[in-house]
Amino acid sequence: MLDPVAGNLEHYMTLLSTRQRLVASNIANADTPGYKTLDIDFDSELQNALNSAPTAHEVSGLVNKNDGNNVNLDRESRLLAENALRFNLASNLMHSKLKIMRMAIENGSSAA
């Protein structure tokens, strides 16, 4: 790990990747009878990211269809878009952090 900020970005991006996989699975199972939507509690998982891997849980409060499936494609599409924006931001921040470190190393070695 480069430093605490980079470590936090790494954990954040891991959570985003986990959520992306869950949302994709929810969408893939939108027509699977009895399938229940899974997600992570993003805020609490971010707080606990240093201690353990994210835990998926069934989402409550969604309307069940006649076949018992509760996937809401509008919700899942919104989560996909939100997740992509968050991941892009975190990736850009990590890239900037690495660029600053590279400049510091290059300037330090040329001063010697």
N, C-alpha and C. Protein backbone atom coordinates (compact mmCIF):
# COMPACT_ATOMS: atom_id res chain seq x y z
N MET A 1 0.85 -1.17 0.00
CA MET A 1 0.00 0.00 0.00
C MET A 1 0.90 1.24 0.00
N LEU A 2 0.58 2.20 -0.84
CA LEU A 2 1.41 3.38 -0.99
C LEU A 2 1.36 4.29 0.24
N ASP A 3 0.18 4.59 0.69
CA ASP A 3 -0.03 5.42 1.87
C ASP A 3 -1.49 5.28 2.28
N PRO A 4 -1.89 5.91 3.39
CA PRO A 4 -3.28 5.75 3.84
C PRO A 4 -4.33 6.20 2.81
N VAL A 5 -4.06 7.28 2.09
CA VAL A 5 -5.03 7.75 1.10
C VAL A 5 -5.18 6.73 -0.02
N ALA A 6 -4.07 6.23 -0.52
CA ALA A 6 -4.12 5.22 -1.57
C ALA A 6 -4.80 3.95 -1.06
N GLY A 7 -4.53 3.58 0.18
CA GLY A 7 -5.18 2.41 0.76
C GLY A 7 -6.68 2.58 0.85
N ASN A 8 -7.11 3.76 1.26
CA ASN A 8 -8.55 4.04 1.34
C ASN A 8 -9.19 4.01 -0.04
N LEU A 9 -8.49 4.56 -1.03
CA LEU A 9 -9.01 4.51 -2.40
C LEU A 9 -9.12 3.06 -2.89
N GLU A 10 -8.13 2.26 -2.53
CA GLU A 10 -8.15 0.85 -2.91
C GLU A 10 -9.37 0.14 -2.31
N HIS A 11 -9.63 0.38 -1.03
CA HIS A 11 -10.80 -0.23 -0.37
C HIS A 11 -12.10 0.28 -0.99
N TYR A 12 -12.15 1.55 -1.30
CA TYR A 12 -13.33 2.14 -1.92
C TYR A 12 -13.60 1.49 -3.27
N MET A 13 -12.54 1.32 -4.06
CA MET A 13 -12.69 0.72 -5.38
C MET A 13 -13.07 -0.76 -5.27
N THR A 14 -12.59 -1.45 -4.25
CA THR A 14 -12.99 -2.84 -4.02
C THR A 14 -14.48 -2.92 -3.72
N LEU A 15 -14.97 -2.01 -2.89
CA LEU A 15 -16.41 -1.98 -2.60
C LEU A 15 -17.21 -1.70 -3.86
N LEU A 16 -16.75 -0.76 -4.66
CA LEU A 16 -17.45 -0.44 -5.90
C LEU A 16 -17.48 -1.65 -6.84
N SER A 17 -16.38 -2.39 -6.91
CA SER A 17 -16.33 -3.59 -7.75
C SER A 17 -17.30 -4.65 -7.24
N THR A 18 -17.35 -4.81 -5.92
CA THR A 18 -18.29 -5.78 -5.33
C THR A 18 -19.72 -5.39 -5.66
N ARG A 19 -20.04 -4.11 -5.49
CA ARG A 19 -21.40 -3.66 -5.78
C ARG A 19 -21.71 -3.86 -7.26
N GLN A 20 -20.76 -3.58 -8.13
CA GLN A 20 -20.97 -3.74 -9.57
C GLN A 20 -21.32 -5.18 -9.90
N ARG A 21 -20.59 -6.13 -9.30
CA ARG A 21 -20.88 -7.55 -9.54
C ARG A 21 -22.28 -7.92 -9.04
N LEU A 22 -22.66 -7.41 -7.87
CA LEU A 22 -23.97 -7.71 -7.31
C LEU A 22 -25.09 -7.14 -8.18
N VAL A 23 -24.94 -5.90 -8.61
CA VAL A 23 -25.96 -5.27 -9.45
C VAL A 23 -26.08 -6.01 -10.78
N ALA A 24 -24.95 -6.38 -11.37
CA ALA A 24 -24.98 -7.14 -12.63
C ALA A 24 -25.70 -8.48 -12.43
N SER A 25 -25.45 -9.12 -11.30
CA SER A 25 -26.13 -10.38 -11.00
C SER A 25 -27.63 -10.16 -10.82
N ASN A 26 -27.99 -9.08 -10.14
CA ASN A 26 -29.41 -8.76 -9.96
C ASN A 26 -30.09 -8.58 -11.31
N ILE A 27 -29.45 -7.84 -12.21
CA ILE A 27 -30.03 -7.61 -13.54
C ILE A 27 -30.13 -8.93 -14.31
N ALA A 28 -29.09 -9.74 -14.24
CA ALA A 28 -29.09 -11.02 -14.95
C ALA A 28 -30.20 -11.93 -14.44
N ASN A 29 -30.60 -11.77 -13.19
CA ASN A 29 -31.63 -12.63 -12.60
C ASN A 29 -32.98 -11.94 -12.49
N ALA A 30 -33.18 -10.87 -13.25
CA ALA A 30 -34.43 -10.11 -13.18
C ALA A 30 -35.65 -10.96 -13.50
N ASP A 31 -35.48 -12.02 -14.28
CA ASP A 31 -36.61 -12.88 -14.64
C ASP A 31 -36.54 -14.25 -13.98
N THR A 32 -35.66 -14.41 -13.00
CA THR A 32 -35.53 -15.68 -12.30
C THR A 32 -36.55 -15.76 -11.17
N PRO A 33 -37.50 -16.68 -11.25
CA PRO A 33 -38.51 -16.78 -10.20
C PRO A 33 -37.87 -16.96 -8.82
N GLY A 34 -38.35 -16.21 -7.85
CA GLY A 34 -37.90 -16.34 -6.48
C GLY A 34 -36.58 -15.65 -6.17
N TYR A 35 -35.92 -15.09 -7.18
CA TYR A 35 -34.63 -14.42 -6.93
C TYR A 35 -34.86 -13.17 -6.09
N LYS A 36 -33.98 -12.97 -5.10
CA LYS A 36 -34.05 -11.79 -4.24
C LYS A 36 -32.85 -10.90 -4.49
N THR A 37 -33.08 -9.62 -4.63
CA THR A 37 -32.04 -8.63 -4.90
C THR A 37 -31.01 -8.61 -3.78
N LEU A 38 -29.72 -8.61 -4.17
CA LEU A 38 -28.62 -8.52 -3.22
C LEU A 38 -27.89 -7.20 -3.40
N ASP A 39 -27.37 -6.67 -2.31
CA ASP A 39 -26.60 -5.43 -2.35
C ASP A 39 -25.71 -5.40 -1.12
N ILE A 40 -24.88 -4.38 -1.01
CA ILE A 40 -24.10 -4.16 0.20
C ILE A 40 -24.54 -2.84 0.81
N ASP A 41 -24.41 -2.71 2.11
CA ASP A 41 -24.65 -1.44 2.79
C ASP A 41 -23.37 -0.64 2.60
N PHE A 42 -23.34 0.17 1.56
CA PHE A 42 -22.12 0.80 1.11
C PHE A 42 -21.45 1.63 2.20
N ASP A 43 -22.21 2.45 2.91
CA ASP A 43 -21.61 3.31 3.94
C ASP A 43 -20.99 2.52 5.08
N SER A 44 -21.72 1.54 5.59
CA SER A 44 -21.16 0.77 6.71
C SER A 44 -20.00 -0.11 6.24
N GLU A 45 -20.09 -0.64 5.02
CA GLU A 45 -18.99 -1.45 4.50
C GLU A 45 -17.74 -0.61 4.29
N LEU A 46 -17.91 0.64 3.91
CA LEU A 46 -16.76 1.53 3.74
C LEU A 46 -16.10 1.76 5.09
N GLN A 47 -16.89 1.92 6.14
CA GLN A 47 -16.34 2.08 7.48
C GLN A 47 -15.60 0.84 7.94
N ASN A 48 -16.07 -0.33 7.55
CA ASN A 48 -15.48 -1.59 7.98
C ASN A 48 -14.47 -2.16 6.98
N ALA A 49 -14.18 -1.43 5.91
CA ALA A 49 -13.38 -1.96 4.81
C ALA A 49 -12.00 -2.44 5.25
N LEU A 50 -11.45 -1.84 6.26
CA LEU A 50 -10.12 -2.23 6.69
C LEU A 50 -10.13 -3.57 7.41
N ASN A 51 -11.28 -3.97 7.91
CA ASN A 51 -11.36 -5.16 8.75
C ASN A 51 -11.78 -6.43 8.02
N SER A 52 -12.58 -6.31 6.97
CA SER A 52 -13.08 -7.53 6.33
C SER A 52 -13.58 -7.25 4.92
N ALA A 53 -13.91 -8.32 4.21
CA ALA A 53 -14.47 -8.21 2.87
C ALA A 53 -15.94 -7.79 2.96
N PRO A 54 -16.45 -7.11 1.94
CA PRO A 54 -17.85 -6.70 1.96
C PRO A 54 -18.80 -7.90 2.01
N THR A 55 -19.92 -7.71 2.67
CA THR A 55 -20.92 -8.76 2.83
C THR A 55 -22.20 -8.37 2.10
N ALA A 56 -22.64 -9.22 1.18
CA ALA A 56 -23.89 -8.98 0.47
C ALA A 56 -25.06 -9.37 1.36
N HIS A 57 -26.13 -8.61 1.24
CA HIS A 57 -27.35 -8.92 1.99
C HIS A 57 -28.55 -8.71 1.08
N GLU A 58 -29.65 -9.37 1.42
CA GLU A 58 -30.87 -9.21 0.66
C GLU A 58 -31.44 -7.82 0.93
N VAL A 59 -31.89 -7.16 -0.13
CA VAL A 59 -32.42 -5.81 -0.01
C VAL A 59 -33.88 -5.88 0.43
N SER A 60 -34.19 -5.16 1.48
CA SER A 60 -35.58 -5.16 1.96
C SER A 60 -36.33 -3.98 1.36
N GLY A 61 -37.65 -4.05 1.41
CA GLY A 61 -38.50 -2.95 0.97
C GLY A 61 -38.79 -2.93 -0.52
N LEU A 62 -38.34 -3.94 -1.26
CA LEU A 62 -38.64 -4.00 -2.69
C LEU A 62 -39.91 -4.81 -2.91
N VAL A 63 -40.63 -4.47 -3.95
CA VAL A 63 -41.90 -5.13 -4.25
C VAL A 63 -41.62 -6.48 -4.91
N ASN A 64 -42.24 -7.52 -4.37
CA ASN A 64 -42.14 -8.86 -4.98
C ASN A 64 -43.11 -8.98 -6.13
N LYS A 65 -42.63 -9.59 -7.23
CA LYS A 65 -43.51 -9.89 -8.35
C LYS A 65 -44.26 -11.18 -8.02
N ASN A 66 -45.16 -11.58 -8.88
CA ASN A 66 -45.94 -12.80 -8.65
C ASN A 66 -45.07 -14.04 -8.50
N ASP A 67 -43.90 -14.04 -9.15
CA ASP A 67 -43.02 -15.21 -9.08
C ASP A 67 -42.05 -15.14 -7.90
N GLY A 68 -42.17 -14.11 -7.03
CA GLY A 68 -41.32 -13.97 -5.86
C GLY A 68 -40.05 -13.19 -6.11
N ASN A 69 -39.78 -12.85 -7.35
CA ASN A 69 -38.59 -12.06 -7.71
C ASN A 69 -38.85 -10.60 -7.33
N ASN A 70 -37.81 -9.92 -6.80
CA ASN A 70 -38.00 -8.52 -6.41
C ASN A 70 -37.01 -7.56 -7.07
N VAL A 71 -36.37 -7.98 -8.18
CA VAL A 71 -35.41 -7.11 -8.86
C VAL A 71 -36.16 -5.95 -9.52
N ASN A 72 -35.72 -4.73 -9.22
CA ASN A 72 -36.27 -3.52 -9.81
C ASN A 72 -35.22 -2.99 -10.79
N LEU A 73 -35.48 -3.16 -12.09
CA LEU A 73 -34.48 -2.78 -13.10
C LEU A 73 -34.15 -1.29 -13.07
N ASP A 74 -35.10 -0.43 -12.73
CA ASP A 74 -34.80 1.00 -12.62
C ASP A 74 -33.79 1.25 -11.51
N ARG A 75 -33.98 0.59 -10.36
CA ARG A 75 -33.04 0.74 -9.24
C ARG A 75 -31.66 0.23 -9.62
N GLU A 76 -31.61 -0.93 -10.25
CA GLU A 76 -30.34 -1.53 -10.61
C GLU A 76 -29.61 -0.70 -11.67
N SER A 77 -30.34 -0.15 -12.63
CA SER A 77 -29.72 0.71 -13.65
C SER A 77 -29.15 1.97 -13.02
N ARG A 78 -29.88 2.54 -12.06
CA ARG A 78 -29.38 3.73 -11.36
C ARG A 78 -28.11 3.39 -10.59
N LEU A 79 -28.09 2.24 -9.92
CA LEU A 79 -26.91 1.83 -9.17
C LEU A 79 -25.72 1.59 -10.09
N LEU A 80 -25.96 1.01 -11.27
CA LEU A 80 -24.87 0.80 -12.22
C LEU A 80 -24.25 2.13 -12.64
N ALA A 81 -25.09 3.10 -12.95
CA ALA A 81 -24.59 4.41 -13.38
C ALA A 81 -23.86 5.12 -12.24
N GLU A 82 -24.44 5.08 -11.06
CA GLU A 82 -23.82 5.70 -9.88
C GLU A 82 -22.47 5.06 -9.57
N ASN A 83 -22.44 3.76 -9.64
CA ASN A 83 -21.22 3.01 -9.36
C ASN A 83 -20.12 3.34 -10.36
N ALA A 84 -20.49 3.43 -11.63
CA ALA A 84 -19.52 3.75 -12.68
C ALA A 84 -18.92 5.13 -12.45
N LEU A 85 -19.75 6.11 -12.06
CA LEU A 85 -19.25 7.45 -11.77
C LEU A 85 -18.29 7.44 -10.59
N ARG A 86 -18.66 6.73 -9.54
CA ARG A 86 -17.82 6.65 -8.35
C ARG A 86 -16.48 5.98 -8.66
N PHE A 87 -16.54 4.90 -9.44
CA PHE A 87 -15.31 4.18 -9.77
C PHE A 87 -14.39 5.05 -10.62
N ASN A 88 -14.98 5.77 -11.57
CA ASN A 88 -14.21 6.67 -12.42
C ASN A 88 -13.52 7.75 -11.59
N LEU A 89 -14.23 8.32 -10.64
CA LEU A 89 -13.66 9.33 -9.76
C LEU A 89 -12.51 8.75 -8.94
N ALA A 90 -12.73 7.60 -8.34
CA ALA A 90 -11.68 6.97 -7.53
C ALA A 90 -10.47 6.61 -8.38
N SER A 91 -10.71 6.13 -9.58
CA SER A 91 -9.62 5.78 -10.48
C SER A 91 -8.80 7.03 -10.85
N ASN A 92 -9.49 8.12 -11.13
CA ASN A 92 -8.80 9.37 -11.44
C ASN A 92 -7.99 9.88 -10.25
N LEU A 93 -8.54 9.76 -9.05
CA LEU A 93 -7.81 10.17 -7.85
C LEU A 93 -6.56 9.32 -7.66
N MET A 94 -6.69 8.02 -7.85
CA MET A 94 -5.54 7.13 -7.70
C MET A 94 -4.48 7.45 -8.76
N HIS A 95 -4.92 7.70 -9.97
CA HIS A 95 -3.99 8.06 -11.05
C HIS A 95 -3.23 9.34 -10.69
N SER A 96 -3.95 10.34 -10.17
CA SER A 96 -3.30 11.60 -9.77
C SER A 96 -2.30 11.37 -8.65
N LYS A 97 -2.66 10.54 -7.69
CA LYS A 97 -1.78 10.22 -6.57
C LYS A 97 -0.49 9.56 -7.07
N LEU A 98 -0.63 8.61 -7.97
CA LEU A 98 0.54 7.93 -8.52
C LEU A 98 1.40 8.88 -9.35
N LYS A 99 0.78 9.77 -10.08
CA LYS A 99 1.51 10.75 -10.88
C LYS A 99 2.34 11.67 -9.99
N ILE A 100 1.76 12.11 -8.88
CA ILE A 100 2.48 12.97 -7.93
C ILE A 100 3.67 12.22 -7.34
N MET A 101 3.46 10.95 -6.98
CA MET A 101 4.54 10.15 -6.42
C MET A 101 5.65 9.94 -7.44
N ARG A 102 5.28 9.67 -8.69
CA ARG A 102 6.27 9.48 -9.74
C ARG A 102 7.10 10.75 -9.94
N MET A 103 6.44 11.91 -9.94
CA MET A 103 7.15 13.18 -10.10
C MET A 103 8.12 13.40 -8.94
N ALA A 104 7.68 13.07 -7.73
CA ALA A 104 8.54 13.23 -6.56
C ALA A 104 9.77 12.32 -6.65
N ILE A 105 9.58 11.11 -7.11
CA ILE A 105 10.69 10.16 -7.25
C ILE A 105 11.66 10.64 -8.34
N GLU A 106 11.11 11.05 -9.47
CA GLU A 106 11.95 11.52 -10.57
C GLU A 106 12.72 12.78 -10.19
N ASN A 107 12.07 13.70 -9.52
CA ASN A 107 12.76 14.94 -9.11
C ASN A 107 13.79 14.65 -8.04
N GLY A 108 13.51 13.70 -7.16
CA GLY A 108 14.46 13.33 -6.12
C GLY A 108 15.70 12.66 -6.67
N SER A 109 15.51 11.82 -7.69
CA SER A 109 16.66 11.11 -8.25
C SER A 109 17.49 12.01 -9.14
N SER A 110 16.89 13.03 -9.74
CA SER A 110 17.68 13.94 -10.59
C SER A 110 18.45 14.96 -9.76
N ALA A 111 18.04 15.17 -8.50
CA ALA A 111 18.74 16.11 -7.62
C ALA A 111 19.99 15.48 -7.02
N ALA A 112 20.08 14.14 -7.08
CA ALA A 112 21.22 13.46 -6.45
C ALA A 112 22.47 13.52 -7.27
